[in-house]
């Protein structure tokens, strides 16, 4: 079972990062995990990721500067990253095109309602 502590952002040399969760309920084997990992490896701005077959979950760490550059015109008074953010949707779409539709997920920094 994964926790937020399973991925530490030490690989990003002090840059600010954003952590996203993607629920992938269709992953059924180690080959699925490998495929999802390859998809994530190919997406610009992802500095680290962990895919868990047991949890059916992919945790992705993004370089915040890549996120900010891509969405600077959409960034308003809030620094909260939402599930509807274009970058979240881009990653979800790439996973879906590879045969792994995202059944849920969120940004771990989003505040509870």
Protein backbone atom coordinates (compact mmCIF):
# COMPACT_ATOMS: atom_id res chain seq x y z
CA UNK A 1 0.00 0.00 0.00
CA UNK A 2 1.37 3.41 -0.97
CA UNK A 3 1.45 6.46 1.23
CA UNK A 4 2.49 10.01 0.50
CA UNK A 5 5.81 9.22 2.16
CA UNK A 6 6.61 6.52 -0.41
CA UNK A 7 7.72 9.15 -2.89
CA UNK A 8 10.11 11.78 -1.66
CA UNK A 9 10.98 14.64 -3.97
CA UNK A 10 14.71 14.53 -3.33
CA UNK A 11 15.46 13.95 -7.00
CA UNK A 12 14.31 17.40 -8.03
CA UNK A 13 17.28 19.39 -6.67
CA UNK A 14 15.21 21.67 -4.48
CA UNK A 15 12.68 22.61 -7.16
CA UNK A 16 9.09 22.90 -6.10
CA UNK A 17 7.00 19.95 -7.15
CA UNK A 18 3.38 18.87 -7.41
CA UNK A 19 2.17 15.37 -6.59
CA UNK A 20 -0.79 13.85 -8.44
CA UNK A 21 -2.65 10.60 -7.89
CA UNK A 22 -4.23 8.56 -10.68
CA UNK A 23 -6.50 5.61 -9.80
CA UNK A 24 -6.06 2.89 -12.43
CA UNK A 25 -8.48 0.11 -11.58
CA UNK A 26 -7.78 -1.88 -14.77
CA UNK A 27 -4.15 -2.73 -13.92
CA UNK A 28 -4.04 -6.48 -13.37
CA UNK A 29 -0.45 -7.64 -13.65
CA UNK A 30 3.21 -6.62 -13.52
CA UNK A 31 3.16 -6.06 -17.28
CA UNK A 32 0.44 -3.43 -16.77
CA UNK A 33 2.63 -1.65 -14.23
CA UNK A 34 5.51 -1.69 -16.72
CA UNK A 35 3.31 -0.24 -19.48
CA UNK A 36 1.99 2.54 -17.24
CA UNK A 37 5.55 3.33 -16.11
CA UNK A 38 6.70 3.62 -19.73
CA UNK A 39 3.82 5.99 -20.52
CA UNK A 40 4.73 8.17 -17.52
CA UNK A 41 8.43 8.09 -18.45
CA UNK A 42 7.52 9.66 -21.78
CA UNK A 43 5.60 12.64 -20.41
CA UNK A 44 7.53 15.89 -20.12
CA UNK A 45 7.60 17.47 -16.67
CA UNK A 46 7.30 14.24 -14.67
CA UNK A 47 10.35 14.00 -12.43
CA UNK A 48 9.34 10.90 -10.49
CA UNK A 49 6.54 8.35 -10.40
CA UNK A 50 5.53 5.18 -8.59
CA UNK A 51 2.99 2.70 -9.89
CA UNK A 52 1.40 0.26 -7.45
CA UNK A 53 -0.36 -2.85 -8.73
CA UNK A 54 -1.68 -3.61 -5.24
CA UNK A 55 -3.34 -0.21 -4.91
CA UNK A 56 -4.16 0.26 -8.60
CA UNK A 57 -2.56 3.66 -8.22
CA UNK A 58 0.00 5.80 -10.01
CA UNK A 59 1.58 8.63 -8.03
CA UNK A 60 3.25 11.22 -10.24
CA UNK A 61 5.57 14.03 -9.14
CA UNK A 62 5.71 17.00 -11.52
CA UNK A 63 8.21 19.82 -11.73
CA UNK A 64 6.09 22.82 -10.74
CA UNK A 65 7.91 25.08 -13.18
CA UNK A 66 6.70 22.94 -16.09
CA UNK A 67 3.17 23.08 -14.68
CA UNK A 68 3.39 26.85 -14.19
CA UNK A 69 4.70 27.51 -17.69
CA UNK A 70 1.97 25.43 -19.26
CA UNK A 71 -0.84 26.95 -17.22
CA UNK A 72 0.34 30.49 -16.45
CA UNK A 73 -2.66 32.03 -18.22
CA UNK A 74 -5.04 29.83 -16.24
CA UNK A 75 -3.47 30.42 -12.85
CA UNK A 76 -5.65 32.82 -10.92
CA UNK A 77 -5.57 33.72 -7.25
CA UNK A 78 -5.25 30.13 -6.09
CA UNK A 79 -2.19 27.94 -6.18
CA UNK A 80 -4.36 24.86 -5.73
CA UNK A 81 -3.95 22.31 -8.48
CA UNK A 82 -7.33 20.82 -9.36
CA UNK A 83 -8.36 17.55 -10.94
CA UNK A 84 -9.63 19.58 -13.91
CA UNK A 85 -6.24 21.13 -14.56
CA UNK A 86 -5.11 20.63 -18.19
CA UNK A 87 -1.88 18.88 -17.16
CA UNK A 88 -3.77 16.35 -15.01
CA UNK A 89 -6.11 15.76 -17.96
CA UNK A 90 -3.16 15.41 -20.37
CA UNK A 91 -1.62 12.66 -18.24
CA UNK A 92 -4.98 10.94 -17.74
CA UNK A 93 -5.56 11.02 -21.50
CA UNK A 94 -2.14 9.48 -22.22
CA UNK A 95 -2.87 6.69 -19.75
CA UNK A 96 -6.30 6.09 -21.28
CA UNK A 97 -4.86 5.94 -24.81
CA UNK A 98 -2.53 3.22 -23.55
CA UNK A 99 -5.48 1.16 -22.30
CA UNK A 100 -5.58 2.30 -18.69
CA UNK A 101 -8.54 4.63 -18.11
CA UNK A 102 -8.24 6.72 -14.98
CA UNK A 103 -11.15 5.93 -12.67
CA UNK A 104 -10.28 8.62 -10.15
CA UNK A 105 -7.45 10.50 -8.56
CA UNK A 106 -6.50 13.89 -7.34
CA UNK A 107 -3.74 16.19 -6.26
CA UNK A 108 -2.50 15.32 -2.78
CA UNK A 109 -2.20 19.01 -1.86
CA UNK A 110 -5.87 19.75 -2.57
CA UNK A 111 -7.71 20.69 0.59
CA UNK A 112 -10.61 18.60 1.87
CA UNK A 113 -14.00 20.16 1.39
